[in-house]
Amino acid sequence: MAPHGQPEQVPDDGLTTRQRRDRPLLIVHTGQGKGKSTAAFGLALRGWAQGWPVGVFQFVKSAKWRIGEEKALRVLSASGEGGTVSWHKMGQGWSWVQRRIDPAADPAGAAAEGWAQIARDLSAGTYRLYVLDELTYPLRWGWIDLDEVLAVLAARPDGQHVVITGREAPAALVDAADLVTDMTKVKHPMDAGQKGQRGIEW
């Protein structure tokens, strides 16, 4: 990347500088290192500051977990100072589904229902930024069809950014993405037997 965010080359694609700059992005945060979700929530914070409607969808984390970013973004959303932030967890059976399901008894069904709602939101242009936290796991486990996800993302109406987090992102998803970051672990306290701690992991 060149200094000051200037591209090293400009493609001959017929777009104006503004059109190219404002093109919606598909972003993937993957890899074995810590910080994939944290970086995505940082994007959510930026989106809130821009006045965007933001949708956060967590596919693996339990509904019982109260992470710091969720609390902060809910408070900011309610403040009226920026955009709105909607937060949904698979562990709550997805708050919008008509047919309540027990995610513990049917996690694959809960993930599929969650993805179906996200697809509807993308089609309707509900949010400007979507954080699909840990979506790579139900994709790897076969709970959600990768080809369908790629097709829906490719067909989404303009103006919607999507960030997907999780380890071992499928190669086809990486190929389709505009921005991919691989978080590489160098050291982690867990390597020395230390458990996660308040303010660092949540």
N, C-alpha and C. Protein backbone atom coordinates (compact mmCIF):
# COMPACT_ATOMS: atom_id res chain seq x y z
N MET A 1 0.85 -1.19 0.00
CA MET A 1 0.00 0.00 0.00
C MET A 1 0.89 1.24 0.00
N ALA A 2 0.56 2.16 -0.86
CA ALA A 2 1.33 3.39 -0.95
C ALA A 2 0.96 4.33 0.21
N PRO A 3 1.82 5.31 0.53
CA PRO A 3 1.51 6.25 1.61
C PRO A 3 0.22 7.03 1.34
N HIS A 4 -0.43 7.43 2.42
CA HIS A 4 -1.63 8.28 2.37
C HIS A 4 -2.79 7.61 1.63
N GLY A 5 -2.79 6.28 1.56
CA GLY A 5 -3.91 5.57 0.96
C GLY A 5 -4.03 5.73 -0.54
N GLN A 6 -2.96 6.13 -1.21
CA GLN A 6 -2.99 6.28 -2.66
C GLN A 6 -2.67 4.94 -3.31
N PRO A 7 -3.50 4.50 -4.27
CA PRO A 7 -3.20 3.24 -4.95
C PRO A 7 -1.94 3.34 -5.78
N GLU A 8 -1.23 2.23 -5.90
CA GLU A 8 0.00 2.20 -6.69
C GLU A 8 -0.30 2.20 -8.18
N GLN A 9 -1.48 1.72 -8.56
CA GLN A 9 -1.87 1.76 -9.97
C GLN A 9 -3.37 1.99 -10.07
N VAL A 10 -3.80 2.58 -11.16
CA VAL A 10 -5.22 2.87 -11.38
C VAL A 10 -5.68 2.03 -12.56
N PRO A 11 -6.67 1.16 -12.34
CA PRO A 11 -7.13 0.30 -13.43
C PRO A 11 -7.88 1.08 -14.50
N ASP A 12 -7.83 0.58 -15.70
CA ASP A 12 -8.57 1.18 -16.82
C ASP A 12 -9.94 0.52 -16.89
N ASP A 13 -10.81 0.88 -15.92
CA ASP A 13 -12.12 0.22 -15.81
C ASP A 13 -13.29 1.14 -16.15
N GLY A 14 -12.99 2.36 -16.57
CA GLY A 14 -14.06 3.28 -16.95
C GLY A 14 -14.75 3.97 -15.79
N LEU A 15 -14.33 3.67 -14.55
CA LEU A 15 -14.95 4.29 -13.38
C LEU A 15 -14.25 5.60 -13.03
N THR A 16 -15.01 6.51 -12.45
CA THR A 16 -14.40 7.73 -11.93
C THR A 16 -13.68 7.40 -10.63
N THR A 17 -12.84 8.30 -10.18
CA THR A 17 -12.13 8.09 -8.92
C THR A 17 -13.12 7.90 -7.78
N ARG A 18 -14.19 8.71 -7.75
CA ARG A 18 -15.20 8.59 -6.69
C ARG A 18 -15.94 7.26 -6.78
N GLN A 19 -16.32 6.83 -7.98
CA GLN A 19 -17.02 5.56 -8.13
C GLN A 19 -16.15 4.40 -7.65
N ARG A 20 -14.89 4.43 -7.99
CA ARG A 20 -13.98 3.36 -7.58
C ARG A 20 -13.76 3.39 -6.08
N ARG A 21 -13.62 4.59 -5.51
CA ARG A 21 -13.37 4.72 -4.08
C ARG A 21 -14.57 4.25 -3.27
N ASP A 22 -15.78 4.52 -3.74
CA ASP A 22 -16.98 4.22 -2.97
C ASP A 22 -17.55 2.83 -3.26
N ARG A 23 -16.82 2.02 -4.01
CA ARG A 23 -17.31 0.68 -4.34
C ARG A 23 -17.44 -0.16 -3.06
N PRO A 24 -18.58 -0.81 -2.83
CA PRO A 24 -18.74 -1.61 -1.61
C PRO A 24 -17.77 -2.79 -1.59
N LEU A 25 -17.30 -3.12 -0.41
CA LEU A 25 -16.26 -4.13 -0.26
C LEU A 25 -16.76 -5.39 0.42
N LEU A 26 -16.21 -6.51 0.00
CA LEU A 26 -16.33 -7.77 0.72
C LEU A 26 -14.98 -7.99 1.40
N ILE A 27 -15.00 -8.03 2.73
CA ILE A 27 -13.78 -8.08 3.53
C ILE A 27 -13.77 -9.39 4.31
N VAL A 28 -12.62 -10.03 4.38
CA VAL A 28 -12.47 -11.27 5.13
C VAL A 28 -11.31 -11.12 6.11
N HIS A 29 -11.57 -11.41 7.39
CA HIS A 29 -10.54 -11.47 8.42
C HIS A 29 -10.41 -12.93 8.83
N THR A 30 -9.28 -13.55 8.51
CA THR A 30 -9.11 -14.97 8.80
C THR A 30 -7.74 -15.18 9.42
N GLY A 31 -7.35 -16.45 9.60
CA GLY A 31 -6.05 -16.76 10.17
C GLY A 31 -6.14 -17.26 11.60
N GLN A 32 -5.02 -17.75 12.11
CA GLN A 32 -4.96 -18.37 13.44
C GLN A 32 -4.76 -17.35 14.56
N GLY A 33 -4.44 -16.12 14.22
CA GLY A 33 -4.13 -15.13 15.25
C GLY A 33 -5.37 -14.48 15.85
N LYS A 34 -5.16 -13.82 16.98
CA LYS A 34 -6.22 -13.09 17.68
C LYS A 34 -6.50 -11.78 16.97
N GLY A 35 -7.75 -11.32 17.01
CA GLY A 35 -8.07 -9.98 16.54
C GLY A 35 -8.99 -9.90 15.34
N LYS A 36 -9.47 -11.03 14.85
CA LYS A 36 -10.33 -11.03 13.65
C LYS A 36 -11.65 -10.32 13.93
N SER A 37 -12.32 -10.75 15.00
CA SER A 37 -13.60 -10.12 15.35
C SER A 37 -13.37 -8.69 15.85
N THR A 38 -12.32 -8.50 16.62
CA THR A 38 -12.02 -7.17 17.16
C THR A 38 -11.86 -6.16 16.03
N ALA A 39 -11.14 -6.55 14.97
CA ALA A 39 -10.97 -5.66 13.83
C ALA A 39 -12.30 -5.38 13.13
N ALA A 40 -13.14 -6.40 13.03
CA ALA A 40 -14.45 -6.21 12.40
C ALA A 40 -15.32 -5.25 13.22
N PHE A 41 -15.26 -5.37 14.54
CA PHE A 41 -16.04 -4.47 15.38
C PHE A 41 -15.49 -3.05 15.32
N GLY A 42 -14.19 -2.93 15.04
CA GLY A 42 -13.64 -1.60 14.80
C GLY A 42 -14.24 -0.97 13.56
N LEU A 43 -14.46 -1.78 12.51
CA LEU A 43 -15.15 -1.28 11.32
C LEU A 43 -16.59 -0.88 11.65
N ALA A 44 -17.24 -1.67 12.51
CA ALA A 44 -18.60 -1.31 12.92
C ALA A 44 -18.62 0.04 13.62
N LEU A 45 -17.61 0.30 14.43
CA LEU A 45 -17.50 1.59 15.11
C LEU A 45 -17.34 2.72 14.11
N ARG A 46 -16.51 2.49 13.10
CA ARG A 46 -16.34 3.51 12.06
C ARG A 46 -17.65 3.72 11.31
N GLY A 47 -18.34 2.64 10.99
CA GLY A 47 -19.62 2.76 10.30
C GLY A 47 -20.63 3.55 11.12
N TRP A 48 -20.69 3.25 12.43
CA TRP A 48 -21.58 4.01 13.32
C TRP A 48 -21.25 5.49 13.26
N ALA A 49 -19.96 5.83 13.29
CA ALA A 49 -19.55 7.23 13.27
C ALA A 49 -19.93 7.91 11.95
N GLN A 50 -20.04 7.14 10.87
CA GLN A 50 -20.46 7.69 9.58
C GLN A 50 -21.98 7.80 9.46
N GLY A 51 -22.70 7.34 10.49
CA GLY A 51 -24.16 7.39 10.44
C GLY A 51 -24.79 6.22 9.72
N TRP A 52 -24.02 5.16 9.49
CA TRP A 52 -24.54 4.00 8.77
C TRP A 52 -25.37 3.10 9.67
N PRO A 53 -26.39 2.46 9.12
CA PRO A 53 -27.01 1.34 9.83
C PRO A 53 -26.09 0.12 9.73
N VAL A 54 -25.80 -0.48 10.88
CA VAL A 54 -24.86 -1.60 10.96
C VAL A 54 -25.58 -2.82 11.52
N GLY A 55 -25.37 -3.96 10.90
CA GLY A 55 -25.91 -5.22 11.41
C GLY A 55 -24.78 -6.15 11.79
N VAL A 56 -24.78 -6.60 13.05
CA VAL A 56 -23.78 -7.56 13.53
C VAL A 56 -24.48 -8.90 13.74
N PHE A 57 -23.94 -9.95 13.15
CA PHE A 57 -24.53 -11.29 13.21
C PHE A 57 -23.46 -12.26 13.68
N GLN A 58 -23.64 -12.82 14.88
CA GLN A 58 -22.64 -13.72 15.44
C GLN A 58 -23.12 -15.16 15.28
N PHE A 59 -22.29 -15.98 14.64
CA PHE A 59 -22.70 -17.33 14.30
C PHE A 59 -22.26 -18.40 15.29
N VAL A 60 -21.32 -18.13 16.15
CA VAL A 60 -20.82 -19.17 17.04
C VAL A 60 -20.91 -18.78 18.50
N LYS A 61 -20.62 -17.55 18.83
CA LYS A 61 -20.57 -17.14 20.23
C LYS A 61 -21.92 -17.31 20.91
N SER A 62 -21.88 -17.75 22.14
CA SER A 62 -23.10 -17.99 22.90
C SER A 62 -23.82 -16.69 23.22
N ALA A 63 -25.15 -16.77 23.31
CA ALA A 63 -25.94 -15.61 23.70
C ALA A 63 -25.61 -15.16 25.12
N LYS A 64 -25.06 -16.05 25.92
CA LYS A 64 -24.74 -15.72 27.31
C LYS A 64 -23.50 -14.84 27.42
N TRP A 65 -22.67 -14.85 26.38
CA TRP A 65 -21.46 -14.04 26.41
C TRP A 65 -21.81 -12.57 26.24
N ARG A 66 -21.27 -11.74 27.08
CA ARG A 66 -21.50 -10.30 26.99
C ARG A 66 -20.16 -9.65 26.66
N ILE A 67 -19.88 -9.51 25.39
CA ILE A 67 -18.59 -8.96 25.01
C ILE A 67 -18.63 -7.44 25.07
N GLY A 68 -17.46 -6.86 25.30
CA GLY A 68 -17.37 -5.41 25.49
C GLY A 68 -17.83 -4.62 24.28
N GLU A 69 -17.50 -5.10 23.07
CA GLU A 69 -17.89 -4.36 21.88
C GLU A 69 -19.40 -4.30 21.72
N GLU A 70 -20.08 -5.37 22.10
CA GLU A 70 -21.54 -5.36 22.01
C GLU A 70 -22.13 -4.28 22.92
N LYS A 71 -21.67 -4.25 24.16
CA LYS A 71 -22.18 -3.25 25.10
C LYS A 71 -21.92 -1.84 24.59
N ALA A 72 -20.69 -1.60 24.12
CA ALA A 72 -20.32 -0.26 23.65
C ALA A 72 -21.15 0.15 22.43
N LEU A 73 -21.31 -0.75 21.48
CA LEU A 73 -22.04 -0.40 20.26
C LEU A 73 -23.53 -0.25 20.52
N ARG A 74 -24.07 -1.02 21.46
CA ARG A 74 -25.49 -0.83 21.81
C ARG A 74 -25.71 0.55 22.44
N VAL A 75 -24.80 0.95 23.32
CA VAL A 75 -24.91 2.27 23.96
C VAL A 75 -24.78 3.37 22.90
N LEU A 76 -23.81 3.23 22.00
CA LEU A 76 -23.63 4.22 20.95
C LEU A 76 -24.85 4.28 20.04
N SER A 77 -25.40 3.13 19.70
CA SER A 77 -26.57 3.10 18.83
C SER A 77 -27.75 3.84 19.46
N ALA A 78 -27.93 3.63 20.76
CA ALA A 78 -29.04 4.27 21.47
C ALA A 78 -28.82 5.76 21.69
N SER A 79 -27.58 6.23 21.52
CA SER A 79 -27.26 7.63 21.80
C SER A 79 -27.85 8.59 20.78
N GLY A 80 -28.11 8.10 19.56
CA GLY A 80 -28.60 8.97 18.50
C GLY A 80 -27.53 9.84 17.88
N GLU A 81 -26.29 9.64 18.27
CA GLU A 81 -25.19 10.47 17.77
C GLU A 81 -24.67 10.00 16.40
N GLY A 82 -24.87 8.73 16.10
CA GLY A 82 -24.37 8.18 14.84
C GLY A 82 -25.41 7.28 14.21
N GLY A 83 -24.95 6.19 13.59
CA GLY A 83 -25.87 5.25 12.97
C GLY A 83 -26.51 4.34 14.00
N THR A 84 -27.28 3.38 13.50
CA THR A 84 -27.89 2.38 14.37
C THR A 84 -27.11 1.08 14.25
N VAL A 85 -27.06 0.33 15.34
CA VAL A 85 -26.38 -0.96 15.35
C VAL A 85 -27.35 -2.01 15.86
N SER A 86 -27.62 -3.01 15.03
CA SER A 86 -28.45 -4.15 15.43
C SER A 86 -27.53 -5.33 15.67
N TRP A 87 -27.74 -6.05 16.78
CA TRP A 87 -26.84 -7.12 17.18
C TRP A 87 -27.65 -8.41 17.32
N HIS A 88 -27.25 -9.44 16.60
CA HIS A 88 -27.97 -10.72 16.61
C HIS A 88 -26.99 -11.86 16.86
N LYS A 89 -27.42 -12.82 17.71
CA LYS A 89 -26.59 -13.98 18.01
C LYS A 89 -27.34 -15.26 17.70
N MET A 90 -26.62 -16.21 17.13
CA MET A 90 -27.24 -17.50 16.87
C MET A 90 -27.71 -18.13 18.17
N GLY A 91 -26.98 -17.88 19.25
CA GLY A 91 -27.33 -18.46 20.54
C GLY A 91 -28.66 -17.98 21.09
N GLN A 92 -29.24 -16.94 20.51
CA GLN A 92 -30.57 -16.48 20.91
C GLN A 92 -31.63 -17.05 19.98
N GLY A 93 -31.23 -17.98 19.10
CA GLY A 93 -32.18 -18.54 18.15
C GLY A 93 -32.53 -17.56 17.06
N TRP A 94 -31.68 -16.53 16.89
CA TRP A 94 -31.92 -15.43 15.97
C TRP A 94 -33.22 -14.72 16.34
N SER A 95 -33.10 -13.49 16.73
CA SER A 95 -34.23 -12.76 17.31
C SER A 95 -35.34 -12.49 16.32
N TRP A 96 -35.10 -12.66 15.01
CA TRP A 96 -36.11 -12.27 14.04
C TRP A 96 -36.92 -13.44 13.48
N VAL A 97 -36.51 -14.71 13.74
CA VAL A 97 -37.16 -15.82 13.05
C VAL A 97 -38.54 -16.07 13.64
N GLN A 98 -39.46 -16.43 12.76
CA GLN A 98 -40.82 -16.74 13.20
C GLN A 98 -40.85 -18.06 13.97
N ARG A 99 -40.14 -19.04 13.44
CA ARG A 99 -40.14 -20.36 14.07
C ARG A 99 -38.97 -20.42 15.04
N ARG A 100 -39.27 -20.29 16.33
CA ARG A 100 -38.20 -20.30 17.32
C ARG A 100 -37.54 -21.67 17.34
N ILE A 101 -36.24 -21.69 17.29
CA ILE A 101 -35.51 -22.94 17.30
C ILE A 101 -34.50 -22.90 18.43
N ASP A 102 -34.16 -24.08 18.90
CA ASP A 102 -33.17 -24.20 19.96
C ASP A 102 -31.81 -24.39 19.31
N PRO A 103 -30.95 -23.36 19.34
CA PRO A 103 -29.66 -23.49 18.66
C PRO A 103 -28.78 -24.58 19.25
N ALA A 104 -28.98 -24.90 20.53
CA ALA A 104 -28.19 -25.98 21.13
C ALA A 104 -28.61 -27.32 20.54
N ALA A 105 -29.91 -27.49 20.29
CA ALA A 105 -30.42 -28.75 19.74
C ALA A 105 -30.23 -28.82 18.23
N ASP A 106 -30.27 -27.68 17.56
CA ASP A 106 -30.18 -27.66 16.10
C ASP A 106 -29.32 -26.48 15.64
N PRO A 107 -28.02 -26.53 15.92
CA PRO A 107 -27.17 -25.39 15.54
C PRO A 107 -27.11 -25.18 14.04
N ALA A 108 -27.15 -26.26 13.27
CA ALA A 108 -27.12 -26.12 11.82
C ALA A 108 -28.37 -25.40 11.32
N GLY A 109 -29.52 -25.77 11.90
CA GLY A 109 -30.77 -25.10 11.52
C GLY A 109 -30.77 -23.64 11.90
N ALA A 110 -30.21 -23.33 13.07
CA ALA A 110 -30.15 -21.94 13.52
C ALA A 110 -29.25 -21.13 12.59
N ALA A 111 -28.12 -21.71 12.20
CA ALA A 111 -27.21 -21.01 11.29
C ALA A 111 -27.86 -20.78 9.94
N ALA A 112 -28.57 -21.78 9.44
CA ALA A 112 -29.24 -21.65 8.14
C ALA A 112 -30.32 -20.59 8.19
N GLU A 113 -31.08 -20.55 9.29
CA GLU A 113 -32.12 -19.53 9.43
C GLU A 113 -31.50 -18.14 9.52
N GLY A 114 -30.38 -18.05 10.24
CA GLY A 114 -29.71 -16.77 10.35
C GLY A 114 -29.21 -16.28 9.00
N TRP A 115 -28.60 -17.18 8.23
CA TRP A 115 -28.12 -16.79 6.91
C TRP A 115 -29.27 -16.38 6.00
N ALA A 116 -30.40 -17.10 6.08
CA ALA A 116 -31.56 -16.77 5.24
C ALA A 116 -32.02 -15.34 5.51
N GLN A 117 -32.00 -14.93 6.79
CA GLN A 117 -32.41 -13.56 7.11
C GLN A 117 -31.39 -12.55 6.60
N ILE A 118 -30.11 -12.88 6.72
CA ILE A 118 -29.07 -11.99 6.21
C ILE A 118 -29.24 -11.80 4.71
N ALA A 119 -29.54 -12.89 3.99
CA ALA A 119 -29.76 -12.80 2.55
C ALA A 119 -30.93 -11.87 2.24
N ARG A 120 -31.98 -11.95 3.05
CA ARG A 120 -33.14 -11.05 2.85
C ARG A 120 -32.73 -9.60 3.13
N ASP A 121 -31.95 -9.39 4.18
CA ASP A 121 -31.49 -8.04 4.51
C ASP A 121 -30.61 -7.47 3.41
N LEU A 122 -29.72 -8.30 2.86
CA LEU A 122 -28.87 -7.84 1.76
C LEU A 122 -29.71 -7.45 0.55
N SER A 123 -30.70 -8.27 0.23
CA SER A 123 -31.57 -7.98 -0.91
C SER A 123 -32.33 -6.68 -0.71
N ALA A 124 -32.74 -6.43 0.54
CA ALA A 124 -33.52 -5.23 0.86
C ALA A 124 -32.66 -4.01 1.13
N GLY A 125 -31.34 -4.20 1.25
CA GLY A 125 -30.46 -3.07 1.57
C GLY A 125 -30.66 -2.56 2.98
N THR A 126 -30.90 -3.46 3.94
CA THR A 126 -31.23 -3.06 5.31
C THR A 126 -30.08 -2.32 5.99
N TYR A 127 -28.86 -2.78 5.78
CA TYR A 127 -27.71 -2.19 6.46
C TYR A 127 -26.70 -1.68 5.44
N ARG A 128 -25.85 -0.78 5.89
CA ARG A 128 -24.73 -0.32 5.05
C ARG A 128 -23.49 -1.17 5.31
N LEU A 129 -23.39 -1.70 6.56
CA LEU A 129 -22.27 -2.57 6.91
C LEU A 129 -22.81 -3.80 7.64
N TYR A 130 -22.37 -4.97 7.19
CA TYR A 130 -22.72 -6.25 7.81
C TYR A 130 -21.46 -6.86 8.40
N VAL A 131 -21.50 -7.19 9.68
CA VAL A 131 -20.42 -7.94 10.31
C VAL A 131 -20.93 -9.37 10.51
N LEU A 132 -20.41 -10.30 9.73
CA LEU A 132 -20.82 -11.71 9.81
C LEU A 132 -19.72 -12.44 10.59
N ASP A 133 -19.84 -12.37 11.91
CA ASP A 133 -18.78 -12.82 12.80
C ASP A 133 -18.77 -14.34 12.90
N GLU A 134 -17.61 -14.93 12.57
CA GLU A 134 -17.37 -16.36 12.64
C GLU A 134 -18.24 -17.15 11.65
N LEU A 135 -18.58 -16.52 10.55
CA LEU A 135 -19.35 -17.21 9.50
C LEU A 135 -18.52 -18.33 8.86
N THR A 136 -17.19 -18.24 8.91
CA THR A 136 -16.39 -19.29 8.26
C THR A 136 -16.65 -20.67 8.85
N TYR A 137 -17.03 -20.73 10.14
CA TYR A 137 -17.21 -22.03 10.77
C TYR A 137 -18.43 -22.77 10.22
N PRO A 138 -19.64 -22.18 10.21
CA PRO A 138 -20.76 -22.91 9.59
C PRO A 138 -20.57 -23.18 8.11
N LEU A 139 -19.76 -22.35 7.43
CA LEU A 139 -19.44 -22.66 6.04
C LEU A 139 -18.58 -23.92 5.96
N ARG A 140 -17.57 -24.02 6.81
CA ARG A 140 -16.69 -25.19 6.82
C ARG A 140 -17.43 -26.45 7.24
N TRP A 141 -18.37 -26.31 8.18
CA TRP A 141 -19.10 -27.46 8.69
C TRP A 141 -20.24 -27.90 7.77
N GLY A 142 -20.49 -27.13 6.71
CA GLY A 142 -21.54 -27.48 5.78
C GLY A 142 -22.94 -27.10 6.22
N TRP A 143 -23.05 -26.27 7.25
CA TRP A 143 -24.36 -25.83 7.72
C TRP A 143 -24.97 -24.81 6.77
N ILE A 144 -24.12 -24.05 6.09
CA ILE A 144 -24.56 -23.04 5.13
C ILE A 144 -23.82 -23.32 3.83
N ASP A 145 -24.52 -23.24 2.72
CA ASP A 145 -23.93 -23.55 1.43
C ASP A 145 -23.04 -22.41 0.93
N LEU A 146 -21.78 -22.71 0.70
CA LEU A 146 -20.82 -21.69 0.30
C LEU A 146 -21.18 -21.07 -1.04
N ASP A 147 -21.58 -21.88 -2.01
CA ASP A 147 -21.93 -21.35 -3.33
C ASP A 147 -23.09 -20.37 -3.24
N GLU A 148 -24.06 -20.68 -2.38
CA GLU A 148 -25.19 -19.76 -2.21
C GLU A 148 -24.73 -18.45 -1.59
N VAL A 149 -23.87 -18.53 -0.58
CA VAL A 149 -23.35 -17.32 0.06
C VAL A 149 -22.63 -16.45 -0.96
N LEU A 150 -21.78 -17.06 -1.75
CA LEU A 150 -21.03 -16.30 -2.74
C LEU A 150 -21.95 -15.65 -3.77
N ALA A 151 -22.99 -16.37 -4.18
CA ALA A 151 -23.93 -15.83 -5.16
C ALA A 151 -24.71 -14.65 -4.58
N VAL A 152 -25.16 -14.79 -3.34
CA VAL A 152 -25.92 -13.71 -2.69
C VAL A 152 -25.03 -12.48 -2.50
N LEU A 153 -23.79 -12.69 -2.07
CA LEU A 153 -22.89 -11.57 -1.87
C LEU A 153 -22.57 -10.87 -3.19
N ALA A 154 -22.39 -11.65 -4.24
CA ALA A 154 -22.08 -11.05 -5.55
C ALA A 154 -23.25 -10.25 -6.10
N ALA A 155 -24.48 -10.64 -5.74
CA ALA A 155 -25.68 -9.99 -6.28
C ALA A 155 -26.23 -8.90 -5.37
N ARG A 156 -25.57 -8.63 -4.25
CA ARG A 156 -26.12 -7.66 -3.30
C ARG A 156 -26.18 -6.27 -3.94
N PRO A 157 -27.23 -5.52 -3.64
CA PRO A 157 -27.34 -4.17 -4.18
C PRO A 157 -26.17 -3.29 -3.73
N ASP A 158 -25.91 -2.26 -4.51
CA ASP A 158 -24.78 -1.38 -4.24
C ASP A 158 -24.87 -0.73 -2.86
N GLY A 159 -23.70 -0.38 -2.35
CA GLY A 159 -23.62 0.41 -1.13
C GLY A 159 -23.53 -0.40 0.14
N GLN A 160 -23.44 -1.73 0.05
CA GLN A 160 -23.42 -2.57 1.25
C GLN A 160 -22.05 -3.25 1.39
N HIS A 161 -21.36 -2.90 2.48
CA HIS A 161 -20.09 -3.52 2.80
C HIS A 161 -20.35 -4.75 3.69
N VAL A 162 -19.57 -5.80 3.49
CA VAL A 162 -19.70 -7.02 4.28
C VAL A 162 -18.33 -7.44 4.78
N VAL A 163 -18.21 -7.69 6.09
CA VAL A 163 -16.98 -8.22 6.64
C VAL A 163 -17.29 -9.57 7.30
N ILE A 164 -16.51 -10.57 6.94
CA ILE A 164 -16.68 -11.94 7.43
C ILE A 164 -15.44 -12.31 8.22
N THR A 165 -15.64 -12.91 9.41
CA THR A 165 -14.51 -13.30 10.24
C THR A 165 -14.52 -14.81 10.46
N GLY A 166 -13.35 -15.32 10.88
CA GLY A 166 -13.23 -16.71 11.27
C GLY A 166 -12.01 -17.37 10.68
N ARG A 167 -11.54 -18.40 11.33
CA ARG A 167 -10.37 -19.14 10.87
C ARG A 167 -10.69 -19.93 9.60
N GLU A 168 -9.65 -20.22 8.87
CA GLU A 168 -9.72 -21.12 7.71
C GLU A 168 -10.84 -20.74 6.75
N ALA A 169 -10.85 -19.49 6.34
CA ALA A 169 -11.84 -19.04 5.35
C ALA A 169 -11.69 -19.89 4.08
N PRO A 170 -12.80 -20.35 3.51
CA PRO A 170 -12.71 -21.15 2.28
C PRO A 170 -12.00 -20.38 1.17
N ALA A 171 -11.26 -21.11 0.35
CA ALA A 171 -10.48 -20.48 -0.72
C ALA A 171 -11.37 -19.67 -1.66
N ALA A 172 -12.57 -20.18 -1.95
CA ALA A 172 -13.46 -19.47 -2.87
C ALA A 172 -13.92 -18.15 -2.28
N LEU A 173 -14.10 -18.09 -0.97
CA LEU A 173 -14.47 -16.84 -0.31
C LEU A 173 -13.31 -15.85 -0.37
N VAL A 174 -12.10 -16.33 -0.10
CA VAL A 174 -10.92 -15.48 -0.20
C VAL A 174 -10.78 -14.93 -1.61
N ASP A 175 -10.99 -15.77 -2.61
CA ASP A 175 -10.89 -15.32 -4.00
C ASP A 175 -11.92 -14.25 -4.34
N ALA A 176 -13.12 -14.38 -3.78
CA ALA A 176 -14.20 -13.44 -4.08
C ALA A 176 -14.04 -12.11 -3.36
N ALA A 177 -13.29 -12.10 -2.26
CA ALA A 177 -13.18 -10.91 -1.42
C ALA A 177 -12.33 -9.83 -2.07
N ASP A 178 -12.61 -8.58 -1.68
CA ASP A 178 -11.83 -7.43 -2.13
C ASP A 178 -10.65 -7.16 -1.21
N LEU A 179 -10.81 -7.49 0.08
CA LEU A 179 -9.79 -7.21 1.09
C LEU A 179 -9.73 -8.42 2.00
N VAL A 180 -8.57 -9.01 2.12
CA VAL A 180 -8.39 -10.18 2.98
C VAL A 180 -7.20 -9.93 3.90
N THR A 181 -7.42 -10.12 5.20
CA THR A 181 -6.34 -10.03 6.17
C THR A 181 -6.21 -11.38 6.86
N ASP A 182 -5.00 -11.90 6.88
CA ASP A 182 -4.71 -13.16 7.57
C ASP A 182 -3.99 -12.82 8.87
N MET A 183 -4.69 -13.04 9.98
CA MET A 183 -4.11 -12.76 11.29
C MET A 183 -3.15 -13.89 11.67
N THR A 184 -1.88 -13.61 11.74
CA THR A 184 -0.87 -14.62 12.03
C THR A 184 -0.50 -14.57 13.50
N LYS A 185 -0.62 -15.70 14.17
CA LYS A 185 -0.23 -15.75 15.58
C LYS A 185 1.28 -15.88 15.69
N VAL A 186 1.88 -14.99 16.47
CA VAL A 186 3.30 -15.09 16.79
C VAL A 186 3.46 -15.64 18.21
N LYS A 187 2.74 -15.04 19.16
CA LYS A 187 2.70 -15.53 20.54
C LYS A 187 1.30 -15.28 21.09
N HIS A 188 0.89 -16.09 22.05
CA HIS A 188 -0.40 -15.89 22.71
C HIS A 188 -0.28 -16.39 24.14
N PRO A 189 -0.88 -15.69 25.11
CA PRO A 189 -0.79 -16.14 26.50
C PRO A 189 -1.31 -17.56 26.72
N MET A 190 -2.28 -18.00 25.90
CA MET A 190 -2.80 -19.35 26.06
C MET A 190 -1.73 -20.40 25.82
N ASP A 191 -0.71 -20.06 25.02
CA ASP A 191 0.40 -20.99 24.79
C ASP A 191 1.11 -21.33 26.11
N ALA A 192 1.04 -20.40 27.07
CA ALA A 192 1.67 -20.60 28.37
C ALA A 192 0.65 -21.01 29.43
N GLY A 193 -0.55 -21.43 28.97
CA GLY A 193 -1.57 -21.93 29.90
C GLY A 193 -2.44 -20.87 30.53
N GLN A 194 -2.37 -19.63 30.04
CA GLN A 194 -3.17 -18.55 30.62
C GLN A 194 -4.51 -18.46 29.91
N LYS A 195 -5.59 -18.44 30.67
CA LYS A 195 -6.92 -18.32 30.10
C LYS A 195 -7.21 -16.88 29.68
N GLY A 196 -8.27 -16.73 28.86
CA GLY A 196 -8.69 -15.40 28.44
C GLY A 196 -9.08 -14.54 29.63
N GLN A 197 -8.91 -13.24 29.49
CA GLN A 197 -9.20 -12.35 30.61
C GLN A 197 -10.08 -11.18 30.19
N ARG A 198 -10.78 -10.68 31.20
CA ARG A 198 -11.69 -9.56 31.03
C ARG A 198 -10.95 -8.35 30.47
N GLY A 199 -11.55 -7.69 29.50
CA GLY A 199 -10.97 -6.50 28.90
C GLY A 199 -10.00 -6.79 27.77
N ILE A 200 -9.59 -8.06 27.64
CA ILE A 200 -8.72 -8.46 26.55
C ILE A 200 -9.47 -9.35 25.57
N GLU A 201 -10.11 -10.40 26.08
CA GLU A 201 -10.89 -11.30 25.22
C GLU A 201 -12.36 -10.90 25.12
N TRP A 202 -12.88 -10.20 26.12
CA TRP A 202 -14.29 -9.78 26.05
C TRP A 202 -14.50 -8.50 26.81
